[in-house]
Amino acid sequence: MQSNISLLSSEDTAFYKKNGYHLYKKQVFSEEKLTRLTGIFEEQLALKGTKLSDELDTPHFRDERLLEFLLADEVLDLVEPILGPNIGLWSSHFICKDPLVGRATPWHEDSAYWKGRLSGFDKIVTVWLAIDRSNQENGCMRVIPGTHDNGFSEYEEVDGKKNLFRSQIKNIDESKAVYFELERGECSLHDSRIIHGAKVNTSQFRRCGYTMRYFSTEDRVIADKNKDFKIWLARGKDVAGSNFVNV
């Protein structure tokens, strides 16, 4: 179902295509809906066991209540101006940096971790929804604008205890970084190929975001490289022939 409402202007979309990101400094969901999403996150956090707070990947596999948010018009109307009318839900992830000890997210491209799993990476967008206020003090996301023309940079190893990943992109000029400071309920959008990361959380405040990831169904999700991985058709039609659970 399509709502025929575009939440991004033509200028917003042009900026995204040039720079690889956009900051949406408006409330995505109503306060009532955001409160319900936060409650689901708090439940997931309480049940995480030995996992760290930044390891709550694909929570919608465990709790399909999240599909209400992932397949919502409020989000898809942000994504459609970038991807077009045929949209698949690729993944989601609660990324929470605990106060004072939240690990750094090394410089990386999302596409590098998904290599071989989809037929293309130029039409994948992540919506990063701020569950908590996100700023430089508590380790907000940062990007290097315009670095979304490749998606497969050269990496080097880093300390896996201090970082979310065990590798990072080499030779980044951090002076070019743009910091995504967001109020609770606002979001950013970024291209799967853009170089991005986050510093450690040195503040006394938690920093949690919910990443909602979407792809154009013109690209195919390769079934034998995604065993037990579930994707949903969010809007429009399946163009390339992926194995959607709801088709």
Protein backbone atom coordinates (compact mmCIF):
# COMPACT_ATOMS: atom_id res chain seq x y z
CA MET A 1 0.00 0.00 0.00
CA GLN A 2 1.28 3.47 -0.90
CA SER A 3 0.27 6.73 0.74
CA ASN A 4 1.38 8.96 -2.16
CA ILE A 5 3.03 11.35 0.28
CA SER A 6 6.70 12.30 -0.08
CA LEU A 7 8.34 13.51 3.11
CA LEU A 8 11.49 14.61 1.28
CA SER A 9 11.61 17.57 -1.08
CA SER A 10 13.38 17.40 -4.43
CA GLU A 11 16.19 19.41 -2.80
CA ASP A 12 16.43 16.88 0.04
CA THR A 13 16.64 14.00 -2.42
CA ALA A 14 19.27 15.76 -4.52
CA PHE A 15 21.34 16.42 -1.40
CA TYR A 16 21.08 12.75 -0.42
CA LYS A 17 22.18 11.55 -3.85
CA LYS A 18 25.17 13.91 -3.84
CA ASN A 19 26.30 13.46 -0.23
CA GLY A 20 24.96 10.01 0.68
CA TYR A 21 22.87 11.12 3.66
CA HIS A 22 20.04 13.32 4.90
CA LEU A 23 19.08 14.51 8.38
CA TYR A 24 15.33 14.50 8.97
CA LYS A 25 14.92 16.91 11.85
CA LYS A 26 11.25 16.18 12.43
CA GLN A 27 9.40 13.62 14.50
CA VAL A 28 8.95 10.42 12.49
CA PHE A 29 6.28 8.84 14.71
CA SER A 30 3.68 10.21 17.08
CA GLU A 31 4.75 10.32 20.72
CA GLU A 32 2.36 7.46 21.51
CA LYS A 33 3.85 5.29 18.76
CA LEU A 34 7.44 6.18 19.69
CA THR A 35 6.70 5.30 23.32
CA ARG A 36 5.47 1.85 22.24
CA LEU A 37 8.60 1.30 20.13
CA THR A 38 10.78 2.34 23.09
CA GLY A 39 8.92 -0.16 25.27
CA ILE A 40 9.72 -2.99 22.83
CA PHE A 41 13.37 -1.95 22.86
CA GLU A 42 13.43 -1.97 26.67
CA GLU A 43 11.99 -5.51 26.63
CA GLN A 44 14.64 -6.64 24.14
CA LEU A 45 17.34 -5.06 26.29
CA ALA A 46 16.08 -6.85 29.40
CA LEU A 47 16.15 -10.20 27.59
CA LYS A 48 19.54 -9.81 25.91
CA GLY A 49 21.38 -12.16 28.31
CA THR A 50 25.13 -12.15 27.71
CA LYS A 51 24.89 -10.02 24.58
CA LEU A 52 26.18 -6.48 24.76
CA SER A 53 23.68 -3.64 24.35
CA ASP A 54 24.92 -2.88 20.83
CA GLU A 55 24.36 -6.44 19.58
CA LEU A 56 20.55 -6.52 19.31
CA ASP A 57 20.49 -7.36 15.59
CA THR A 58 17.32 -8.26 13.60
CA PRO A 59 15.03 -7.90 16.65
CA HIS A 60 11.99 -8.05 14.34
CA PHE A 61 12.79 -11.74 13.72
CA ARG A 62 12.10 -12.34 17.43
CA ASP A 63 9.32 -9.80 17.89
CA GLU A 64 7.08 -9.13 14.90
CA ARG A 65 5.40 -6.26 16.74
CA LEU A 66 8.26 -4.25 15.24
CA LEU A 67 6.80 -4.72 11.76
CA GLU A 68 4.21 -2.09 12.66
CA PHE A 69 7.06 0.43 12.68
CA LEU A 70 9.25 -1.07 9.96
CA LEU A 71 6.39 -1.20 7.43
CA ALA A 72 4.83 2.11 8.48
CA ASP A 73 3.97 4.83 5.98
CA GLU A 74 5.80 7.35 8.20
CA VAL A 75 9.07 5.56 7.32
CA LEU A 76 8.33 4.34 3.80
CA ASP A 77 7.31 7.86 2.73
CA LEU A 78 10.86 8.93 3.66
CA VAL A 79 12.44 6.06 1.79
CA GLU A 80 10.42 6.07 -1.44
CA PRO A 81 11.84 9.35 -2.84
CA ILE A 82 15.27 7.71 -2.69
CA LEU A 83 14.56 4.08 -3.65
CA GLY A 84 11.46 4.39 -5.79
CA PRO A 85 8.06 2.71 -5.32
CA ASN A 86 9.22 -0.92 -4.94
CA ILE A 87 10.72 -1.34 -1.48
CA GLY A 88 11.90 -4.37 0.48
CA LEU A 89 12.64 -4.47 4.20
CA TRP A 90 16.23 -5.66 4.46
CA SER A 91 17.03 -5.59 8.17
CA SER A 92 16.79 -3.76 11.48
CA HIS A 93 19.04 -3.37 14.51
CA PHE A 94 18.81 -1.75 17.94
CA ILE A 95 22.21 -0.10 18.44
CA CYS A 96 22.61 0.99 22.05
CA LYS A 97 25.72 2.59 23.54
CA ASP A 98 25.63 2.33 27.32
CA PRO A 99 26.67 5.36 29.43
CA LEU A 100 30.44 5.80 29.86
CA VAL A 101 31.28 2.36 28.42
CA GLY A 102 29.51 2.30 25.04
CA ARG A 103 31.92 0.93 22.44
CA ALA A 104 33.13 2.84 19.39
CA THR A 105 31.79 1.95 15.96
CA PRO A 106 34.82 1.93 13.64
CA TRP A 107 34.77 3.58 10.23
CA HIS A 108 33.00 1.17 7.88
CA GLU A 109 30.57 0.75 4.99
CA ASP A 110 27.47 -1.37 5.59
CA SER A 111 27.83 -2.75 2.07
CA ALA A 112 31.16 -4.35 2.93
CA TYR A 113 29.49 -6.57 5.53
CA TRP A 114 26.72 -7.58 3.11
CA LYS A 115 28.96 -8.34 0.11
CA GLY A 116 27.60 -11.25 -1.89
CA ARG A 117 24.20 -11.19 -0.19
CA LEU A 118 22.46 -8.82 -2.62
CA SER A 119 22.89 -8.20 -6.33
CA GLY A 120 23.53 -4.47 -5.85
CA PHE A 121 24.23 -1.86 -3.17
CA ASP A 122 23.45 1.50 -4.77
CA LYS A 123 19.77 1.39 -3.73
CA ILE A 124 19.90 0.50 -0.04
CA VAL A 125 19.06 3.10 2.59
CA THR A 126 19.24 2.98 6.38
CA VAL A 127 16.84 5.03 8.48
CA TRP A 128 18.53 5.63 11.88
CA LEU A 129 15.78 6.57 14.33
CA ALA A 130 16.86 8.19 17.59
CA ILE A 131 15.30 6.35 20.55
CA ASP A 132 17.42 8.57 22.82
CA ARG A 133 18.85 12.03 22.14
CA SER A 134 22.02 11.50 20.11
CA ASN A 135 24.92 13.96 20.20
CA GLN A 136 28.72 14.06 20.06
CA GLU A 137 29.06 13.49 23.81
CA ASN A 138 27.21 10.18 23.79
CA GLY A 139 28.66 8.87 20.55
CA CYS A 140 26.33 9.94 17.74
CA MET A 141 26.87 8.61 14.25
CA ARG A 142 29.20 10.49 11.92
CA VAL A 143 29.79 10.17 8.17
CA ILE A 144 32.30 11.23 5.56
CA PRO A 145 30.06 12.96 2.99
CA GLY A 146 30.23 11.87 -0.63
CA THR A 147 32.00 8.56 0.03
CA HIS A 148 29.15 6.41 -1.31
CA ASP A 149 30.56 5.88 -4.81
CA ASN A 150 32.25 2.54 -4.06
CA GLY A 151 31.30 0.70 -0.88
CA PHE A 152 34.27 -1.63 -0.63
CA SER A 153 37.25 0.17 0.90
CA GLU A 154 40.45 -1.30 2.33
CA TYR A 155 40.21 -2.34 6.00
CA GLU A 156 42.61 -2.97 8.87
CA GLU A 157 42.18 -4.78 12.20
CA VAL A 158 41.23 -2.99 15.44
CA ASP A 159 40.67 -4.05 19.06
CA GLY A 160 37.43 -6.05 19.17
CA LYS A 161 36.82 -5.33 22.87
CA LYS A 162 36.79 -1.56 22.46
CA ASN A 163 34.99 -1.54 19.12
CA LEU A 164 31.73 -2.88 17.74
CA PHE A 165 33.64 -4.43 14.81
CA ARG A 166 37.12 -5.94 14.54
CA SER A 167 38.12 -3.92 11.48
CA GLN A 168 38.00 -0.36 10.22
CA ILE A 169 38.63 1.49 6.97
CA LYS A 170 42.18 2.72 6.56
CA ASN A 171 43.35 6.33 6.25
CA ILE A 172 40.20 8.32 7.03
CA ASP A 173 40.45 12.12 7.21
CA GLU A 174 38.25 12.66 10.27
CA SER A 175 38.28 16.43 9.79
CA LYS A 176 35.71 15.89 7.03
CA ALA A 177 33.25 14.10 9.33
CA VAL A 178 29.67 15.33 9.75
CA TYR A 179 28.08 14.43 13.10
CA PHE A 180 24.44 13.32 13.16
CA GLU A 181 23.04 15.05 16.24
CA LEU A 182 19.38 14.11 16.64
CA GLU A 183 16.65 14.67 19.18
CA ARG A 184 14.59 11.71 20.33
CA GLY A 185 12.18 10.72 17.54
CA GLU A 186 14.16 12.34 14.71
CA CYS A 187 16.11 10.31 12.17
CA SER A 188 18.88 10.26 9.63
CA LEU A 189 19.04 8.42 6.33
CA HIS A 190 22.24 7.11 4.78
CA ASP A 191 23.40 5.14 1.75
CA SER A 192 24.67 1.61 2.44
CA ARG A 193 28.01 2.49 0.83
CA ILE A 194 28.86 5.67 2.73
CA ILE A 195 31.78 5.62 5.17
CA HIS A 196 30.47 6.12 8.69
CA GLY A 197 31.09 5.27 12.34
CA ALA A 198 30.74 6.63 15.88
CA LYS A 199 33.01 7.45 18.80
CA VAL A 200 32.67 5.90 22.25
CA ASN A 201 29.97 7.11 24.62
CA THR A 202 31.85 9.17 27.21
CA SER A 203 28.70 10.71 28.72
CA GLN A 204 26.37 9.59 31.51
CA PHE A 205 23.51 9.25 29.01
CA ARG A 206 22.54 6.16 27.00
CA ARG A 207 22.49 6.49 23.23
CA CYS A 208 20.10 4.13 21.48
CA GLY A 209 19.00 4.15 17.86
CA TYR A 210 16.82 1.82 15.80
CA THR A 211 18.18 1.21 12.33
CA MET A 212 15.57 0.32 9.72
CA ARG A 213 17.13 -0.82 6.45
CA TYR A 214 15.44 -0.95 3.04
CA PHE A 215 16.37 -1.88 -0.52
CA SER A 216 14.89 -1.44 -3.97
CA THR A 217 13.32 -4.70 -5.13
CA GLU A 218 15.10 -4.10 -8.44
CA ASP A 219 18.01 -5.75 -6.60
CA ARG A 220 17.75 -9.41 -5.70
CA VAL A 221 18.47 -10.89 -2.28
CA ILE A 222 20.53 -14.02 -3.02
CA ALA A 223 18.79 -16.87 -1.22
CA ASP A 224 21.73 -19.25 -0.73
CA LYS A 225 23.77 -16.43 0.86
CA ASN A 226 20.98 -15.52 3.30
CA LYS A 227 20.06 -18.79 4.99
CA ASP A 228 17.36 -18.31 7.67
CA PHE A 229 17.29 -14.58 6.89
CA LYS A 230 13.82 -13.11 6.41
CA ILE A 231 12.86 -10.18 4.20
CA TRP A 232 9.48 -8.48 3.77
CA LEU A 233 7.99 -6.70 0.77
CA ALA A 234 7.33 -3.29 2.32
CA ARG A 235 5.73 -1.47 -0.61
CA GLY A 236 5.08 -1.94 -4.32
CA LYS A 237 6.05 -5.16 -6.10
CA ASP A 238 8.89 -7.68 -6.24
CA VAL A 239 10.86 -6.84 -9.39
CA ALA A 240 13.96 -9.06 -9.24
CA GLY A 241 12.47 -12.21 -7.70
CA SER A 242 13.59 -12.28 -4.05
CA ASN A 243 12.14 -14.67 -1.48
CA PHE A 244 9.87 -12.38 0.55
CA VAL A 245 8.03 -13.97 3.45
CA ASN A 246 4.84 -12.04 2.68
CA VAL A 247 4.57 -12.68 -1.07
